[in-house]
Amino acid sequence: PKDLTVLKSGQGTVTSTSVPTQANQFNCGSGCQTQTVSYPSSTSVTLTATPAPGRIFTGWGGVCTGTSKSSPCTVITDGTKTVIVNFAVDPNYKEF
């Protein structure tokens, strides 16, 4: 098995789907800063970042790149890999 680790900065949730589907998936939300899941070799894992209310997604790091919230990160588990997910306070968010 190959370990895929998500390191999360800020408030939001990181979830995953994989092909082939397996029971153990990412669901790193409130109170979660780091999560590691072991996948069979050559599994395709798609990670999705959802910011918490009043937060924005600011970008992927590690083996993923980009700053678009609409483009999830897909990783092939051909080795031990780390993905960084960054969320920040939305400067335009009005709570009231």
N, C-alpha and C. Protein backbone atom coordinates (compact mmCIF):
# COMPACT_ATOMS: atom_id res chain seq x y z
N PRO A 1 0.83 -1.21 0.00
CA PRO A 1 0.00 0.00 0.00
C PRO A 1 0.86 1.27 0.00
N LYS A 2 0.30 2.31 -0.53
CA LYS A 2 0.99 3.61 -0.62
C LYS A 2 0.23 4.62 0.22
N ASP A 3 0.98 5.39 1.05
CA ASP A 3 0.36 6.38 1.91
C ASP A 3 0.21 7.70 1.19
N LEU A 4 -0.99 8.28 1.32
CA LEU A 4 -1.26 9.63 0.84
C LEU A 4 -1.64 10.45 2.06
N THR A 5 -0.91 11.55 2.28
CA THR A 5 -1.15 12.39 3.46
C THR A 5 -1.65 13.75 3.01
N VAL A 6 -2.67 14.25 3.70
CA VAL A 6 -3.17 15.60 3.48
C VAL A 6 -2.81 16.44 4.70
N LEU A 7 -2.17 17.58 4.44
CA LEU A 7 -1.88 18.57 5.48
C LEU A 7 -2.76 19.78 5.19
N LYS A 8 -3.59 20.14 6.16
CA LYS A 8 -4.56 21.20 5.94
C LYS A 8 -4.19 22.43 6.77
N SER A 9 -4.21 23.59 6.13
CA SER A 9 -3.97 24.86 6.81
C SER A 9 -5.23 25.71 6.68
N GLY A 10 -5.75 26.16 7.81
CA GLY A 10 -6.97 26.97 7.78
C GLY A 10 -8.21 26.12 7.95
N GLN A 11 -9.37 26.75 7.81
CA GLN A 11 -10.64 26.08 8.08
C GLN A 11 -11.35 25.70 6.79
N GLY A 12 -11.63 24.41 6.68
CA GLY A 12 -12.32 23.87 5.53
C GLY A 12 -12.30 22.36 5.63
N THR A 13 -12.82 21.70 4.61
CA THR A 13 -12.90 20.24 4.60
C THR A 13 -12.27 19.70 3.33
N VAL A 14 -11.51 18.62 3.48
CA VAL A 14 -10.94 17.92 2.34
C VAL A 14 -11.56 16.53 2.30
N THR A 15 -12.16 16.19 1.16
CA THR A 15 -12.77 14.87 0.98
C THR A 15 -12.15 14.21 -0.25
N SER A 16 -12.37 12.90 -0.38
CA SER A 16 -11.78 12.19 -1.52
C SER A 16 -12.73 11.16 -2.09
N THR A 17 -12.46 10.83 -3.35
CA THR A 17 -13.05 9.67 -4.01
C THR A 17 -11.88 8.96 -4.67
N SER A 18 -12.01 7.65 -4.88
CA SER A 18 -10.91 6.92 -5.50
C SER A 18 -11.43 5.90 -6.49
N VAL A 19 -10.58 5.56 -7.45
CA VAL A 19 -10.86 4.51 -8.42
C VAL A 19 -9.69 3.54 -8.36
N PRO A 20 -9.88 2.27 -7.99
CA PRO A 20 -11.18 1.71 -7.58
C PRO A 20 -11.62 2.25 -6.22
N THR A 21 -12.93 2.26 -6.00
CA THR A 21 -13.48 2.77 -4.75
C THR A 21 -13.04 1.91 -3.58
N GLN A 22 -12.71 2.56 -2.48
CA GLN A 22 -12.41 1.80 -1.27
C GLN A 22 -13.07 2.49 -0.09
N ALA A 23 -13.24 1.73 0.99
CA ALA A 23 -13.98 2.24 2.15
C ALA A 23 -13.24 3.38 2.84
N ASN A 24 -11.91 3.28 2.92
CA ASN A 24 -11.14 4.27 3.67
C ASN A 24 -10.85 5.48 2.77
N GLN A 25 -11.52 6.60 3.06
CA GLN A 25 -11.36 7.80 2.25
C GLN A 25 -11.04 8.99 3.14
N PHE A 26 -10.63 10.09 2.52
CA PHE A 26 -10.36 11.31 3.27
C PHE A 26 -11.67 12.01 3.64
N ASN A 27 -11.74 12.47 4.87
CA ASN A 27 -12.80 13.36 5.32
C ASN A 27 -12.20 14.19 6.44
N CYS A 28 -11.40 15.18 6.05
CA CYS A 28 -10.64 15.99 6.99
C CYS A 28 -11.33 17.34 7.13
N GLY A 29 -12.14 17.48 8.19
CA GLY A 29 -12.90 18.70 8.41
C GLY A 29 -12.48 19.40 9.69
N SER A 30 -13.47 19.84 10.44
CA SER A 30 -13.24 20.57 11.68
C SER A 30 -12.40 19.75 12.65
N GLY A 31 -11.34 20.36 13.17
CA GLY A 31 -10.48 19.68 14.12
C GLY A 31 -9.43 18.78 13.50
N CYS A 32 -9.44 18.64 12.19
CA CYS A 32 -8.47 17.79 11.49
C CYS A 32 -7.43 18.67 10.81
N GLN A 33 -6.16 18.43 11.11
CA GLN A 33 -5.08 19.16 10.44
C GLN A 33 -4.30 18.26 9.50
N THR A 34 -4.24 16.97 9.84
CA THR A 34 -3.48 16.00 9.05
C THR A 34 -4.26 14.70 9.00
N GLN A 35 -4.31 14.09 7.82
CA GLN A 35 -4.91 12.77 7.69
C GLN A 35 -4.09 11.97 6.68
N THR A 36 -3.82 10.70 7.00
CA THR A 36 -3.11 9.81 6.10
C THR A 36 -4.00 8.61 5.80
N VAL A 37 -4.10 8.27 4.52
CA VAL A 37 -4.87 7.10 4.09
C VAL A 37 -3.95 6.23 3.24
N SER A 38 -3.98 4.92 3.48
CA SER A 38 -3.21 3.97 2.66
C SER A 38 -4.08 3.46 1.53
N TYR A 39 -3.54 3.51 0.32
CA TYR A 39 -4.24 3.03 -0.87
C TYR A 39 -3.41 1.95 -1.53
N PRO A 40 -4.07 1.04 -2.26
CA PRO A 40 -3.31 0.11 -3.10
C PRO A 40 -2.51 0.90 -4.13
N SER A 41 -1.39 0.36 -4.55
CA SER A 41 -0.56 1.01 -5.55
C SER A 41 -1.36 1.29 -6.82
N SER A 42 -1.10 2.45 -7.44
CA SER A 42 -1.72 2.87 -8.70
C SER A 42 -3.20 3.18 -8.58
N THR A 43 -3.66 3.55 -7.39
CA THR A 43 -5.04 4.01 -7.22
C THR A 43 -5.11 5.49 -7.61
N SER A 44 -6.17 5.88 -8.30
CA SER A 44 -6.40 7.28 -8.65
C SER A 44 -7.29 7.90 -7.57
N VAL A 45 -6.74 8.88 -6.85
CA VAL A 45 -7.47 9.52 -5.75
C VAL A 45 -7.73 10.98 -6.11
N THR A 46 -8.99 11.39 -6.05
CA THR A 46 -9.36 12.78 -6.34
C THR A 46 -9.75 13.46 -5.04
N LEU A 47 -9.03 14.54 -4.72
CA LEU A 47 -9.28 15.31 -3.50
C LEU A 47 -10.05 16.58 -3.84
N THR A 48 -11.04 16.90 -3.01
CA THR A 48 -11.84 18.11 -3.20
C THR A 48 -11.75 18.96 -1.94
N ALA A 49 -11.52 20.26 -2.11
CA ALA A 49 -11.39 21.19 -1.00
C ALA A 49 -12.63 22.07 -0.92
N THR A 50 -13.24 22.12 0.26
CA THR A 50 -14.43 22.94 0.48
C THR A 50 -14.17 23.87 1.67
N PRO A 51 -14.09 25.19 1.42
CA PRO A 51 -13.82 26.11 2.53
C PRO A 51 -14.99 26.18 3.51
N ALA A 52 -14.68 26.45 4.77
CA ALA A 52 -15.71 26.69 5.78
C ALA A 52 -16.34 28.06 5.51
N PRO A 53 -17.52 28.31 6.09
CA PRO A 53 -18.14 29.64 5.91
C PRO A 53 -17.19 30.75 6.33
N GLY A 54 -17.08 31.78 5.51
CA GLY A 54 -16.20 32.90 5.82
C GLY A 54 -14.75 32.65 5.46
N ARG A 55 -14.47 31.52 4.80
CA ARG A 55 -13.11 31.18 4.39
C ARG A 55 -13.07 30.99 2.88
N ILE A 56 -11.88 31.07 2.32
CA ILE A 56 -11.69 30.83 0.89
C ILE A 56 -10.57 29.82 0.71
N PHE A 57 -10.66 29.05 -0.38
CA PHE A 57 -9.59 28.13 -0.75
C PHE A 57 -8.51 28.96 -1.43
N THR A 58 -7.24 28.82 -0.96
CA THR A 58 -6.18 29.65 -1.53
C THR A 58 -5.14 28.85 -2.31
N GLY A 59 -5.27 27.52 -2.33
CA GLY A 59 -4.37 26.78 -3.20
C GLY A 59 -3.94 25.43 -2.67
N TRP A 60 -3.48 24.62 -3.63
CA TRP A 60 -2.90 23.30 -3.36
C TRP A 60 -1.39 23.44 -3.24
N GLY A 61 -0.78 22.51 -2.52
CA GLY A 61 0.67 22.42 -2.43
C GLY A 61 1.09 20.97 -2.40
N GLY A 62 2.37 20.72 -2.26
CA GLY A 62 2.87 19.35 -2.29
C GLY A 62 2.81 18.81 -3.71
N VAL A 63 2.23 17.62 -3.89
CA VAL A 63 2.17 17.02 -5.23
C VAL A 63 1.06 17.62 -6.09
N CYS A 64 0.24 18.50 -5.51
CA CYS A 64 -0.82 19.19 -6.27
C CYS A 64 -0.46 20.65 -6.40
N THR A 65 -0.90 21.27 -7.48
CA THR A 65 -0.65 22.69 -7.68
C THR A 65 -1.92 23.36 -8.16
N GLY A 66 -1.95 24.66 -8.06
CA GLY A 66 -3.09 25.42 -8.56
C GLY A 66 -3.85 26.09 -7.44
N THR A 67 -4.65 27.07 -7.82
CA THR A 67 -5.42 27.83 -6.84
C THR A 67 -6.90 27.83 -7.14
N SER A 68 -7.33 27.06 -8.12
CA SER A 68 -8.75 27.06 -8.48
C SER A 68 -9.53 26.06 -7.63
N LYS A 69 -10.53 26.58 -6.92
CA LYS A 69 -11.37 25.72 -6.09
C LYS A 69 -12.17 24.75 -6.96
N SER A 70 -12.44 25.16 -8.19
CA SER A 70 -13.28 24.33 -9.06
C SER A 70 -12.51 23.16 -9.66
N SER A 71 -11.17 23.15 -9.53
CA SER A 71 -10.42 22.03 -10.07
C SER A 71 -9.86 21.18 -8.94
N PRO A 72 -10.46 20.00 -8.71
CA PRO A 72 -9.94 19.12 -7.67
C PRO A 72 -8.55 18.61 -8.03
N CYS A 73 -7.88 18.02 -7.06
CA CYS A 73 -6.54 17.48 -7.25
C CYS A 73 -6.64 15.97 -7.39
N THR A 74 -6.05 15.43 -8.45
CA THR A 74 -6.04 13.98 -8.65
C THR A 74 -4.61 13.47 -8.51
N VAL A 75 -4.45 12.44 -7.68
CA VAL A 75 -3.13 11.88 -7.39
C VAL A 75 -3.17 10.39 -7.71
N ILE A 76 -2.12 9.89 -8.36
CA ILE A 76 -1.95 8.45 -8.57
C ILE A 76 -1.00 7.94 -7.49
N THR A 77 -1.42 6.93 -6.74
CA THR A 77 -0.61 6.45 -5.62
C THR A 77 0.46 5.48 -6.10
N ASP A 78 1.54 6.06 -6.66
CA ASP A 78 2.67 5.24 -7.11
C ASP A 78 3.86 5.43 -6.17
N GLY A 79 3.60 6.00 -5.01
CA GLY A 79 4.61 6.22 -3.98
C GLY A 79 3.98 6.97 -2.83
N THR A 80 4.74 7.19 -1.77
CA THR A 80 4.25 7.98 -0.65
C THR A 80 4.19 9.44 -1.07
N LYS A 81 3.03 10.07 -0.90
CA LYS A 81 2.85 11.45 -1.37
C LYS A 81 2.16 12.30 -0.32
N THR A 82 2.41 13.61 -0.41
CA THR A 82 1.80 14.57 0.50
C THR A 82 1.13 15.67 -0.32
N VAL A 83 -0.09 16.02 0.08
CA VAL A 83 -0.83 17.12 -0.52
C VAL A 83 -1.08 18.15 0.57
N ILE A 84 -0.85 19.41 0.23
CA ILE A 84 -1.11 20.51 1.16
C ILE A 84 -2.32 21.27 0.65
N VAL A 85 -3.24 21.59 1.56
CA VAL A 85 -4.46 22.33 1.21
C VAL A 85 -4.50 23.58 2.08
N ASN A 86 -4.65 24.73 1.44
CA ASN A 86 -4.62 26.00 2.16
C ASN A 86 -5.96 26.73 2.07
N PHE A 87 -6.45 27.10 3.25
CA PHE A 87 -7.64 27.95 3.35
C PHE A 87 -7.26 29.22 4.09
N ALA A 88 -7.94 30.32 3.80
CA ALA A 88 -7.68 31.59 4.48
C ALA A 88 -9.00 32.29 4.75
N VAL A 89 -8.95 33.31 5.62
CA VAL A 89 -10.13 34.12 5.90
C VAL A 89 -10.49 34.90 4.62
N ASP A 90 -11.78 34.88 4.28
CA ASP A 90 -12.25 35.62 3.10
C ASP A 90 -12.34 37.10 3.47
N PRO A 91 -11.52 37.97 2.85
CA PRO A 91 -11.52 39.39 3.22
C PRO A 91 -12.84 40.08 2.86
N ASN A 92 -13.64 39.47 1.97
CA ASN A 92 -14.90 40.07 1.55
C ASN A 92 -16.11 39.52 2.31
N TYR A 93 -15.85 38.57 3.23
CA TYR A 93 -16.96 37.94 3.93
C TYR A 93 -17.57 38.87 4.96
N LYS A 94 -18.91 39.02 4.89
CA LYS A 94 -19.63 39.84 5.86
C LYS A 94 -20.51 38.90 6.68
N GLU A 95 -20.20 38.80 7.96
CA GLU A 95 -20.93 37.87 8.81
C GLU A 95 -22.37 38.33 9.05
N PHE A 96 -22.57 39.65 9.09
CA PHE A 96 -23.92 40.17 9.35
C PHE A 96 -24.35 41.08 8.25
